[in-house]
Protein backbone atom coordinates (compact mmCIF):
# COMPACT_ATOMS: atom_id res chain seq x y z
CA MET A 1 6.36 -40.60 28.55
CA ARG A 2 3.82 -41.84 30.96
CA SER A 3 4.24 -39.12 33.08
CA LEU A 4 5.11 -35.19 33.49
CA PHE A 5 6.56 -35.34 37.05
CA LEU A 6 9.47 -37.32 37.91
CA ASP A 7 9.12 -39.03 40.45
CA GLU A 8 5.98 -41.17 38.65
CA LEU A 9 8.89 -42.62 35.92
CA THR A 10 10.69 -45.22 37.09
CA SER A 11 14.49 -45.73 36.63
CA GLU A 12 14.81 -47.68 32.74
CA ASP A 13 11.65 -44.38 31.73
CA VAL A 14 14.16 -41.92 32.91
CA LYS A 15 17.09 -43.35 30.56
CA ASP A 16 14.46 -43.13 27.62
CA ALA A 17 13.50 -39.85 28.36
CA SER A 18 16.65 -37.90 29.00
CA SER A 19 17.50 -37.79 25.10
CA GLN A 20 13.91 -36.46 24.62
CA VAL A 21 13.02 -34.36 27.39
CA GLU A 22 13.75 -30.40 27.04
CA MET A 23 14.26 -29.54 30.48
CA VAL A 24 13.85 -30.24 33.72
CA LEU A 25 11.51 -27.88 35.64
CA VAL A 26 13.00 -28.07 39.37
CA PRO A 27 9.67 -26.16 42.37
CA ILE A 28 11.23 -25.10 45.04
CA GLY A 29 9.05 -23.21 47.59
CA SER A 30 9.42 -22.55 51.82
CA PHE A 31 7.98 -24.11 54.88
CA GLU A 32 6.67 -20.47 57.12
CA GLN A 33 4.43 -18.93 58.78
CA HIS A 34 1.49 -17.58 56.60
CA GLY A 35 -0.64 -15.57 59.28
CA ARG A 36 -3.62 -16.96 60.89
CA HIS A 37 -5.63 -18.01 57.56
CA LEU A 38 -3.10 -19.74 54.88
CA PRO A 39 -0.92 -22.81 55.56
CA LEU A 40 2.61 -23.11 56.46
CA ALA A 41 3.44 -24.65 52.80
CA THR A 42 1.62 -21.81 51.14
CA ASP A 43 4.54 -21.24 48.92
CA SER A 44 5.05 -25.04 48.50
CA ILE A 45 1.38 -25.37 47.69
CA ILE A 46 1.57 -22.45 44.96
CA VAL A 47 4.66 -23.23 43.50
CA HIS A 48 4.41 -26.70 42.86
CA GLU A 49 0.71 -26.61 41.20
CA VAL A 50 1.86 -23.67 39.07
CA THR A 51 4.69 -25.75 38.00
CA ARG A 52 1.84 -28.46 37.13
CA ILE A 53 -0.09 -26.23 35.18
CA VAL A 54 2.99 -24.29 33.32
CA ALA A 55 4.20 -28.31 32.37
CA GLU A 56 0.91 -29.67 30.94
CA ARG A 57 0.64 -26.41 28.42
CA ILE A 58 4.01 -26.31 27.24
CA ASN A 59 4.04 -30.11 27.26
CA LEU A 60 1.55 -29.84 24.07
CA GLU A 61 4.74 -27.85 22.07
CA PHE A 62 7.56 -29.94 23.80
CA PRO A 63 8.46 -32.34 26.13
CA VAL A 64 9.22 -31.15 29.84
CA LEU A 65 9.86 -33.20 33.43
CA ILE A 66 8.93 -31.56 36.75
CA ALA A 67 11.39 -32.56 39.60
CA PRO A 68 10.55 -33.58 42.87
CA LEU A 69 9.14 -30.29 45.11
CA ILE A 70 11.77 -29.08 47.30
CA PRO A 71 9.43 -28.15 50.21
CA LEU A 72 11.96 -25.99 52.11
CA GLY A 73 13.79 -22.90 51.66
CA LYS A 74 15.57 -19.78 53.43
CA SER A 75 13.28 -18.16 55.63
CA THR A 76 15.47 -16.75 58.15
CA GLU A 77 13.00 -13.91 58.36
CA HIS A 78 10.47 -15.91 60.06
CA ALA A 79 12.19 -18.06 62.04
CA SER A 80 10.44 -16.22 65.41
CA ARG A 81 6.93 -17.60 64.35
CA ALA A 82 6.07 -21.38 65.08
CA GLY A 83 6.20 -23.61 62.58
CA THR A 84 8.59 -22.11 60.27
CA ILE A 85 11.55 -24.94 59.26
CA SER A 86 14.33 -22.96 56.89
CA LEU A 87 17.38 -24.67 56.30
CA GLU A 88 20.93 -22.29 56.02
CA GLY A 89 22.15 -20.99 52.82
CA ASP A 90 24.97 -23.38 52.48
CA VAL A 91 22.48 -26.20 53.45
CA LEU A 92 19.50 -25.25 50.60
CA GLY A 93 22.39 -24.34 48.44
CA GLU A 94 24.25 -27.71 48.80
CA VAL A 95 20.94 -29.35 48.09
CA LEU A 96 20.10 -28.28 44.44
CA ARG A 97 23.65 -28.44 43.55
CA SER A 98 23.10 -32.02 44.41
CA VAL A 99 19.61 -32.39 42.77
CA CYS A 100 21.63 -30.72 39.49
CA ARG A 101 24.42 -33.14 39.49
CA SER A 102 21.55 -36.01 39.34
CA LEU A 103 19.72 -34.46 37.10
CA VAL A 104 23.03 -33.95 34.77
CA ARG A 105 24.33 -37.67 35.60
CA ASP A 106 21.10 -39.32 33.83
CA GLY A 107 21.36 -36.98 31.31
CA PHE A 108 19.17 -34.04 30.91
CA LYS A 109 21.02 -30.53 29.77
CA LYS A 110 18.81 -28.22 31.01
CA ILE A 111 17.06 -27.28 34.54
CA VAL A 112 14.89 -24.46 35.35
CA PHE A 113 14.14 -23.53 39.14
CA MET A 114 10.52 -22.67 39.61
CA ASN A 115 10.78 -20.66 42.43
CA GLY A 116 8.23 -19.53 44.71
CA HIS A 117 9.56 -17.85 47.71
CA GLY A 118 11.48 -14.77 48.13
CA GLY A 119 13.76 -15.94 50.29
CA ASN A 120 15.33 -18.13 47.94
CA VAL A 121 15.76 -15.27 44.95
CA SER A 122 19.18 -14.12 45.86
CA LEU A 123 20.78 -17.71 46.97
CA LEU A 124 19.31 -19.10 43.12
CA THR A 125 20.98 -16.30 41.63
CA SER A 126 23.73 -16.57 42.79
CA MET A 127 24.19 -20.48 42.01
CA LEU A 128 23.15 -20.83 38.38
CA ARG A 129 26.50 -19.91 36.72
CA GLU A 130 28.17 -22.30 39.21
CA ILE A 131 26.18 -24.66 38.34
CA ARG A 132 26.45 -24.19 34.92
CA GLU A 133 30.36 -24.60 35.09
CA GLU A 134 30.11 -27.69 36.82
CA THR A 135 27.84 -29.34 35.63
CA GLY A 136 28.04 -27.62 32.04
CA ALA A 137 24.28 -28.06 32.32
CA PHE A 138 22.24 -24.18 31.58
CA THR A 139 20.35 -23.25 33.89
CA ALA A 140 17.70 -21.01 34.92
CA SER A 141 15.63 -19.46 37.89
CA ILE A 142 12.06 -18.16 37.70
CA TYR A 143 10.46 -16.53 40.52
CA LEU A 144 6.91 -16.20 40.22
CA TYR A 145 6.41 -12.89 42.06
CA SER A 146 8.68 -10.95 39.86
CA GLU A 147 7.34 -7.99 38.25
CA ASP A 148 8.77 -9.34 34.77
CA LEU A 149 6.06 -12.43 34.83
CA LEU A 150 3.07 -10.46 36.39
CA GLY A 151 2.93 -7.45 34.70
CA ASP A 152 -0.10 -5.66 33.92
CA SER A 153 -2.21 -8.74 35.67
CA VAL A 154 -1.71 -7.26 39.19
CA SER A 155 -2.44 -3.41 37.96
CA ARG A 156 -5.21 -2.94 40.21
CA PHE A 157 -2.80 -4.10 43.34
CA ASN A 158 -0.40 -2.00 45.68
CA GLU A 159 2.59 -3.44 46.69
CA TRP A 160 1.37 -4.19 49.69
CA ASP A 161 -1.08 -6.82 47.98
CA MET A 162 2.02 -8.73 46.87
CA PHE A 163 3.76 -9.19 49.91
CA HIS A 164 3.55 -11.89 52.20
CA ALA A 165 0.05 -13.89 53.13
CA CYS A 166 -1.40 -10.83 50.83
CA ALA A 167 -3.98 -10.61 48.86
CA LEU A 168 -2.21 -11.94 45.83
CA GLU A 169 -1.13 -15.23 47.78
CA THR A 170 -4.84 -15.87 49.31
CA SER A 171 -5.74 -15.47 46.17
CA PHE A 172 -3.94 -18.31 44.17
CA MET A 173 -4.69 -20.66 47.51
CA MET A 174 -8.51 -20.09 46.68
CA VAL A 175 -8.03 -21.34 43.24
CA LEU A 176 -5.56 -23.63 44.33
CA ARG A 177 -6.29 -25.21 47.68
CA PRO A 178 -9.82 -23.22 48.73
CA GLU A 179 -10.04 -25.73 51.27
CA LEU A 180 -6.88 -24.71 53.21
CA VAL A 181 -7.97 -21.12 53.17
CA HIS A 182 -9.20 -19.38 56.77
CA LEU A 183 -10.56 -16.14 55.28
CA GLU A 184 -12.59 -15.06 58.48
CA LYS A 185 -9.33 -15.24 60.28
CA ALA A 186 -7.36 -12.96 57.77
CA SER A 187 -6.38 -9.29 58.78
CA ARG A 188 -4.82 -6.10 57.18
CA ASN A 189 -1.96 -5.21 58.39
CA ILE A 190 0.24 -2.50 56.56
CA PRO A 191 3.58 -2.16 57.84
CA GLN A 192 4.57 1.43 60.29
CA LYS A 193 8.09 1.26 59.43
CA PHE A 194 10.19 0.84 56.62
CA THR A 195 8.03 3.10 54.56
CA GLN A 196 8.24 6.42 52.76
CA GLN A 197 5.13 6.61 55.06
CA SER A 198 6.69 6.54 58.08
CA GLY A 199 9.75 8.79 57.05
CA TYR A 200 12.32 6.20 55.53
CA LYS A 201 13.89 7.24 52.18
CA HIS A 202 16.54 4.01 51.21
CA LEU A 203 15.54 1.69 54.07
CA LEU A 204 12.64 0.57 51.99
CA LEU A 205 10.73 -2.75 51.49
CA SER A 206 9.56 -1.86 48.34
CA ARG A 207 10.20 -4.46 45.33
CA LYS A 208 12.18 -2.04 43.33
CA ARG A 209 14.33 -0.93 46.47
CA GLY A 210 18.22 -1.27 45.97
CA VAL A 211 19.33 -1.27 49.13
CA GLU A 212 19.11 -4.42 51.15
CA PHE A 213 18.50 -4.81 54.79
CA SER A 214 18.17 -7.46 57.64
CA TRP A 215 14.46 -6.80 58.13
CA LEU A 216 12.90 -9.58 59.82
CA ILE A 217 8.74 -10.33 60.12
CA ASP A 218 9.06 -9.18 63.87
CA ASP A 219 9.91 -5.68 62.47
CA LEU A 220 6.79 -5.80 59.87
CA SER A 221 4.01 -7.37 62.00
CA HIS A 222 2.33 -9.05 64.65
CA SER A 223 -0.01 -11.06 62.49
CA GLY A 224 2.63 -12.48 60.19
CA VAL A 225 0.65 -10.64 57.48
CA VAL A 226 2.08 -7.98 55.34
CA GLY A 227 -0.45 -6.66 53.06
CA ASP A 228 -4.14 -7.07 52.74
CA PRO A 229 -5.64 -11.12 52.30
CA THR A 230 -8.91 -9.84 52.88
CA LYS A 231 -9.10 -8.21 49.45
CA ALA A 232 -8.36 -11.81 47.65
CA THR A 233 -11.06 -13.48 45.67
CA PRO A 234 -10.90 -16.38 43.07
CA GLU A 235 -11.72 -14.47 40.55
CA THR A 236 -8.59 -12.18 40.94
CA GLY A 237 -6.55 -15.92 41.38
CA ARG A 238 -8.02 -17.43 38.43
CA ALA A 239 -7.19 -14.26 36.20
CA ILE A 240 -3.55 -13.72 37.73
CA LEU A 241 -2.52 -17.22 37.22
CA GLU A 242 -3.75 -17.26 33.47
CA SER A 243 -1.41 -14.63 32.75
CA LEU A 244 1.63 -15.35 34.77
CA VAL A 245 1.42 -19.49 33.39
CA GLU A 246 1.09 -18.16 30.13
CA ARG A 247 4.67 -15.57 30.56
CA ILE A 248 6.23 -18.55 32.04
CA CYS A 249 6.00 -20.65 29.35
CA GLU A 250 7.38 -17.72 27.14
CA VAL A 251 10.26 -18.20 29.27
CA LEU A 252 10.81 -22.13 28.80
CA ARG A 253 10.20 -21.63 25.07
CA GLU A 254 13.23 -19.11 25.07
CA VAL A 255 15.04 -21.74 27.21
CA LYS A 256 14.61 -24.00 24.40
CA ARG A 257 15.94 -22.01 21.57
CA VAL A 258 19.35 -22.16 23.79
């Protein structure tokens, strides 16, 4: 193939590629506030770049293609902040279904959503079997910030370093698009509610929580930040990105086996 990116191929190229390509990666991000130091497109930038790096690496083993980035996600929790553009769940769901229908029509049999935004997780999870039942395609969703994928690479971090506009996201951006990071404007913010320290037992923001509830960013932060981005460094970003990319490649190798 002349390119890993579907949007750089011709229609004729796609006809030839569909019988060779093992899977299509569909990056999906968001467009929402990320404090004063990161751009609105942070999630989309990170997931697009990670998808590119993963595709370049795994393509040495078997061919994959990258579908156009879906830059808008479900960002209800940030809707009160200027610049945020959020899609309703049914709208985003239909966009994703339409993308899959189109890819399957062209002969692609496996589709992997590369998700860079926590607000998209539930929707994607609920859709995977529906899309497979409708189209016959094997579908999977990879969330960049899942504990399974980050593993020991984030052992130096606490839970607030991996929440929103935090040390982890900022470290990634310092590697991927450093010109868009304004670290001099970064500020630390630890929530004063929905934590064990503030007296809550079940309504917790913990990544391991089993109870879901309707928190909005205004409940947690005046700045729009949840965590401590002042701890971010490009060295940290590079190390974690390398580990993350390799683990995602492991997932894709398993998808190939299906």
